Protein backbone atom coordinates (compact mmCIF):
# COMPACT_ATOMS: atom_id res chain seq x y z
CA UNK A 1 25.44 29.77 25.55
CA UNK A 2 28.89 29.15 24.17
CA UNK A 3 30.50 25.75 24.42
CA UNK A 4 33.96 27.15 23.71
CA UNK A 5 36.57 26.09 26.20
CA UNK A 6 34.40 23.31 27.64
CA UNK A 7 35.39 19.75 26.97
CA UNK A 8 32.60 17.37 26.17
CA UNK A 9 32.53 14.29 28.35
CA UNK A 10 32.72 11.09 26.30
CA UNK A 11 29.43 9.25 26.12
CA UNK A 12 29.01 5.53 26.06
CA UNK A 13 26.09 4.09 24.16
CA UNK A 14 24.87 0.57 24.62
CA UNK A 15 23.96 -1.17 21.37
CA UNK A 16 20.47 -2.54 21.11
CA UNK A 17 20.44 -6.32 21.28
CA UNK A 18 20.31 -7.92 17.86
CA UNK A 19 17.50 -10.29 17.11
CA UNK A 20 19.04 -13.44 15.77
CA UNK A 21 17.11 -15.39 13.18
CA UNK A 22 18.61 -18.82 13.54
CA UNK A 23 17.12 -20.67 10.60
CA UNK A 24 15.37 -20.33 7.28
CA UNK A 25 12.11 -21.51 8.84
CA UNK A 26 12.34 -18.72 11.44
CA UNK A 27 12.69 -16.17 8.63
CA UNK A 28 9.74 -17.63 6.75
CA UNK A 29 7.57 -17.45 9.87
CA UNK A 30 8.09 -13.66 9.91
CA UNK A 31 6.96 -13.15 6.28
CA UNK A 32 3.20 -13.07 7.03
CA UNK A 33 3.83 -10.17 9.42
CA UNK A 34 5.44 -7.89 6.81
CA UNK A 35 3.27 -4.87 5.94
CA UNK A 36 2.34 -4.03 2.35
CA UNK A 37 -0.08 -1.86 0.40
CA UNK A 38 -2.80 -3.50 -1.67
CA UNK A 39 -4.34 -1.31 -4.38
CA UNK A 40 -6.97 -1.57 -7.08
CA UNK A 41 -6.46 0.57 -10.15
CA UNK A 42 -9.52 1.95 -11.86
CA UNK A 43 -8.55 3.95 -14.94
CA UNK A 44 -10.37 7.23 -15.53
CA UNK A 45 -9.85 8.68 -19.00
CA UNK A 46 -10.54 12.18 -20.30
CA UNK A 47 -10.36 13.58 -16.75
CA UNK A 48 -9.05 17.14 -16.53
CA UNK A 49 -7.82 19.43 -13.78
CA UNK A 50 -11.11 21.30 -14.15
CA UNK A 51 -12.97 18.03 -13.50
CA UNK A 52 -10.80 17.43 -10.43
CA UNK A 53 -11.45 20.92 -9.06
CA UNK A 54 -15.20 20.58 -9.55
CA UNK A 55 -15.53 17.29 -7.61
CA UNK A 56 -18.13 17.41 -4.85
CA UNK A 57 -20.31 15.02 -2.90
CA UNK A 58 -22.55 13.13 -5.32
CA UNK A 59 -20.31 13.60 -8.36
CA UNK A 60 -20.18 10.50 -10.55
CA UNK A 61 -16.85 9.87 -12.27
CA UNK A 62 -17.01 7.69 -15.35
CA UNK A 63 -14.26 5.08 -15.59
CA UNK A 64 -12.72 3.34 -18.59
CA UNK A 65 -13.76 -0.05 -17.16
CA UNK A 66 -16.65 -2.03 -18.51
CA UNK A 67 -19.18 -3.21 -15.96
CA UNK A 68 -17.88 -6.76 -16.33
CA UNK A 69 -14.22 -5.79 -16.88
CA UNK A 70 -11.45 -6.96 -14.61
CA UNK A 71 -9.62 -4.49 -12.35
CA UNK A 72 -5.84 -4.85 -11.76
CA UNK A 73 -4.85 -5.75 -8.18
CA UNK A 74 -1.36 -4.64 -7.11
CA UNK A 75 0.78 -5.28 -4.04
CA UNK A 76 3.36 -2.53 -3.50
CA UNK A 77 2.99 -1.63 -7.18
CA UNK A 78 3.52 -5.17 -8.50
CA UNK A 79 0.64 -6.72 -10.43
CA UNK A 80 -0.74 -9.64 -8.42
CA UNK A 81 -3.78 -10.46 -10.52
CA UNK A 82 -7.10 -9.32 -11.89
CA UNK A 83 -10.30 -8.84 -9.91
CA UNK A 84 -13.96 -8.01 -10.30
CA UNK A 85 -16.16 -6.13 -7.87
CA UNK A 86 -18.59 -8.05 -5.72
CA UNK A 87 -20.90 -7.21 -2.82
CA UNK A 88 -20.83 -9.09 0.48
CA UNK A 89 -23.67 -7.95 2.70
CA UNK A 90 -23.36 -4.16 2.71
CA UNK A 91 -19.62 -4.17 1.83
CA UNK A 92 -17.93 -3.72 -1.52
CA UNK A 93 -15.39 -6.48 -2.15
CA UNK A 94 -13.26 -7.83 -4.98
CA UNK A 95 -13.04 -11.36 -6.25
CA UNK A 96 -9.74 -12.50 -7.77
CA UNK A 97 -10.50 -13.75 -11.27
CA UNK A 98 -7.04 -14.39 -12.70
CA UNK A 99 -3.49 -14.42 -11.30
CA UNK A 100 -0.89 -12.24 -12.99
């Protein structure tokens, strides 16, 4: 279908209402609701593409961490602190051992 020769009717769009944040305390109340990604980094050394391709259920991957070594904890890529693994019931957890 060709639109040539047809004039487009002007459209009116209504702007979405802005949410006003009236004070600093209102802004601070919203901070706990901001999403972020929390990650633990476990270094694996001497790991090759061949090792990656041969991964299967039951494969054990040796890490560079000592059993009692601390693991870095990051929030959106920024180091937050150091942790160690712990077990709570049947769940694996981390305990913060030192702030960054």
